[in-house]
Amino acid sequence: MTILYEVGDAIKGDLIVAEARKIKKPKIIVKTGRHKSQQIILEENVFCVVRKKTRFHPE
């Protein structure tokens, strides 16, 4: 398993499990048109793991 540490590193999946010492309040963000999504900020010793990969992704 690869662990990423640099600023700008990203993970993508259909199901991601995250652990963190601090979780800031979720907020609603606009994606496209009428579609909305939620965003949270994880702080201090954050670790995320993809539990289910996306079905549609460019290779």
N, C-alpha and C. Protein backbone atom coordinates (compact mmCIF):
# COMPACT_ATOMS: atom_id res chain seq x y z
N MET A 1 0.85 -1.17 0.00
CA MET A 1 0.00 0.00 0.00
C MET A 1 0.89 1.24 0.00
N THR A 2 0.57 2.17 -0.87
CA THR A 2 1.31 3.43 -0.95
C THR A 2 0.72 4.42 0.04
N ILE A 3 1.57 5.11 0.79
CA ILE A 3 1.13 6.17 1.69
C ILE A 3 1.70 7.47 1.15
N LEU A 4 0.83 8.47 0.94
CA LEU A 4 1.22 9.75 0.36
C LEU A 4 1.36 10.78 1.48
N TYR A 5 2.41 11.61 1.38
CA TYR A 5 2.69 12.58 2.44
C TYR A 5 2.78 14.02 1.96
N GLU A 6 2.90 14.25 0.68
CA GLU A 6 3.17 15.59 0.17
C GLU A 6 1.89 16.41 -0.03
N VAL A 7 2.03 17.73 0.03
CA VAL A 7 0.93 18.65 -0.22
C VAL A 7 0.46 18.45 -1.66
N GLY A 8 -0.84 18.35 -1.86
CA GLY A 8 -1.38 18.15 -3.20
C GLY A 8 -1.66 16.70 -3.54
N ASP A 9 -1.15 15.75 -2.72
CA ASP A 9 -1.47 14.34 -2.94
C ASP A 9 -2.96 14.13 -2.71
N ALA A 10 -3.58 13.26 -3.48
CA ALA A 10 -5.02 13.05 -3.37
C ALA A 10 -5.34 11.56 -3.43
N ILE A 11 -6.51 11.20 -2.88
CA ILE A 11 -7.02 9.85 -3.00
C ILE A 11 -8.44 9.95 -3.53
N LYS A 12 -8.88 8.91 -4.24
CA LYS A 12 -10.23 8.92 -4.79
C LYS A 12 -10.78 7.51 -4.70
N GLY A 13 -12.03 7.39 -4.27
CA GLY A 13 -12.67 6.10 -4.18
C GLY A 13 -14.16 6.27 -3.92
N ASP A 14 -14.91 5.18 -3.99
CA ASP A 14 -16.34 5.23 -3.69
C ASP A 14 -16.61 5.15 -2.19
N LEU A 15 -15.67 4.59 -1.44
CA LEU A 15 -15.82 4.51 0.02
C LEU A 15 -14.44 4.71 0.64
N ILE A 16 -14.30 5.79 1.41
CA ILE A 16 -13.03 6.11 2.05
C ILE A 16 -13.25 6.23 3.55
N VAL A 17 -12.42 5.57 4.32
CA VAL A 17 -12.49 5.62 5.78
C VAL A 17 -11.37 6.53 6.26
N ALA A 18 -11.70 7.47 7.14
CA ALA A 18 -10.71 8.43 7.62
C ALA A 18 -10.67 8.44 9.15
N GLU A 19 -9.48 8.65 9.68
CA GLU A 19 -9.28 8.81 11.11
C GLU A 19 -8.55 10.13 11.32
N ALA A 20 -8.96 10.89 12.32
CA ALA A 20 -8.30 12.15 12.62
C ALA A 20 -8.58 12.54 14.06
N ARG A 21 -7.67 13.34 14.63
CA ARG A 21 -7.89 13.82 16.00
C ARG A 21 -8.96 14.90 16.02
N LYS A 22 -9.02 15.73 14.98
CA LYS A 22 -10.00 16.81 14.93
C LYS A 22 -10.74 16.78 13.60
N ILE A 23 -12.05 16.92 13.65
CA ILE A 23 -12.88 16.99 12.45
C ILE A 23 -13.68 18.28 12.53
N LYS A 24 -13.46 19.16 11.56
CA LYS A 24 -14.20 20.42 11.55
C LYS A 24 -15.59 20.21 10.98
N LYS A 25 -16.47 21.12 11.28
CA LYS A 25 -17.88 21.05 10.88
C LYS A 25 -18.04 20.87 9.37
N PRO A 26 -18.87 19.91 8.95
CA PRO A 26 -19.10 19.74 7.51
C PRO A 26 -19.85 20.94 6.92
N LYS A 27 -19.56 21.23 5.66
CA LYS A 27 -20.31 22.31 4.98
C LYS A 27 -20.73 21.82 3.61
N ILE A 28 -21.82 22.40 3.12
CA ILE A 28 -22.36 22.07 1.80
C ILE A 28 -21.63 22.90 0.76
N ILE A 29 -21.16 22.23 -0.32
CA ILE A 29 -20.52 22.94 -1.42
C ILE A 29 -21.27 22.61 -2.72
N VAL A 30 -21.19 23.51 -3.68
CA VAL A 30 -21.85 23.32 -4.97
C VAL A 30 -20.89 22.57 -5.89
N LYS A 31 -21.38 21.52 -6.53
CA LYS A 31 -20.56 20.77 -7.49
C LYS A 31 -20.90 21.25 -8.90
N THR A 32 -21.92 20.68 -9.54
CA THR A 32 -22.30 21.11 -10.89
C THR A 32 -23.81 21.33 -10.92
N GLY A 33 -24.22 22.46 -11.45
CA GLY A 33 -25.65 22.74 -11.58
C GLY A 33 -26.37 22.67 -10.25
N ARG A 34 -27.34 21.76 -10.15
CA ARG A 34 -28.12 21.60 -8.92
C ARG A 34 -27.50 20.59 -7.96
N HIS A 35 -26.42 19.95 -8.37
CA HIS A 35 -25.80 18.93 -7.53
C HIS A 35 -24.95 19.56 -6.43
N LYS A 36 -25.08 19.03 -5.24
CA LYS A 36 -24.32 19.54 -4.12
C LYS A 36 -23.54 18.39 -3.48
N SER A 37 -22.58 18.74 -2.66
CA SER A 37 -21.76 17.75 -1.98
C SER A 37 -21.41 18.31 -0.61
N GLN A 38 -20.77 17.49 0.22
CA GLN A 38 -20.33 17.94 1.54
C GLN A 38 -18.82 17.94 1.60
N GLN A 39 -18.28 18.84 2.40
CA GLN A 39 -16.84 18.93 2.58
C GLN A 39 -16.54 19.02 4.07
N ILE A 40 -15.55 18.27 4.54
CA ILE A 40 -15.08 18.39 5.91
C ILE A 40 -13.56 18.55 5.89
N ILE A 41 -13.03 19.07 6.96
CA ILE A 41 -11.59 19.22 7.08
C ILE A 41 -11.13 18.36 8.26
N LEU A 42 -10.16 17.51 8.00
CA LEU A 42 -9.59 16.65 9.03
C LEU A 42 -8.24 17.23 9.44
N GLU A 43 -7.97 17.30 10.74
CA GLU A 43 -6.73 17.88 11.23
C GLU A 43 -6.04 16.94 12.21
N GLU A 44 -4.74 17.07 12.29
CA GLU A 44 -3.88 16.38 13.25
C GLU A 44 -3.88 14.86 13.11
N ASN A 45 -2.80 14.36 12.58
CA ASN A 45 -2.57 12.92 12.47
C ASN A 45 -3.67 12.21 11.68
N VAL A 46 -3.92 12.68 10.47
CA VAL A 46 -5.00 12.15 9.63
C VAL A 46 -4.49 10.94 8.85
N PHE A 47 -5.34 9.91 8.74
CA PHE A 47 -5.02 8.70 7.98
C PHE A 47 -6.28 8.27 7.25
N CYS A 48 -6.19 8.08 5.93
CA CYS A 48 -7.34 7.67 5.13
C CYS A 48 -7.01 6.41 4.34
N VAL A 49 -8.02 5.57 4.17
CA VAL A 49 -7.87 4.33 3.41
C VAL A 49 -9.06 4.17 2.48
N VAL A 50 -8.79 3.80 1.22
CA VAL A 50 -9.86 3.54 0.27
C VAL A 50 -10.41 2.14 0.55
N ARG A 51 -11.70 2.04 0.87
CA ARG A 51 -12.32 0.76 1.13
C ARG A 51 -12.98 0.16 -0.11
N LYS A 52 -13.36 1.01 -1.07
CA LYS A 52 -13.97 0.55 -2.32
C LYS A 52 -13.50 1.47 -3.43
N LYS A 53 -12.85 0.91 -4.46
CA LYS A 53 -12.36 1.75 -5.54
C LYS A 53 -13.51 2.18 -6.45
N THR A 54 -13.26 3.25 -7.20
CA THR A 54 -14.29 3.74 -8.12
C THR A 54 -14.41 2.80 -9.30
N ARG A 55 -15.61 2.67 -9.81
CA ARG A 55 -15.84 1.79 -10.96
C ARG A 55 -15.36 2.42 -12.24
N PHE A 56 -15.50 3.74 -12.35
CA PHE A 56 -15.16 4.43 -13.59
C PHE A 56 -14.01 5.38 -13.32
N HIS A 57 -12.84 5.03 -13.79
CA HIS A 57 -11.70 5.91 -13.63
C HIS A 57 -10.75 5.74 -14.82
N PRO A 58 -10.13 6.84 -15.23
CA PRO A 58 -9.16 6.74 -16.34
C PRO A 58 -7.90 6.02 -15.86
N GLU A 59 -7.31 5.25 -16.72
CA GLU A 59 -6.11 4.50 -16.32
C GLU A 59 -4.88 5.08 -16.96
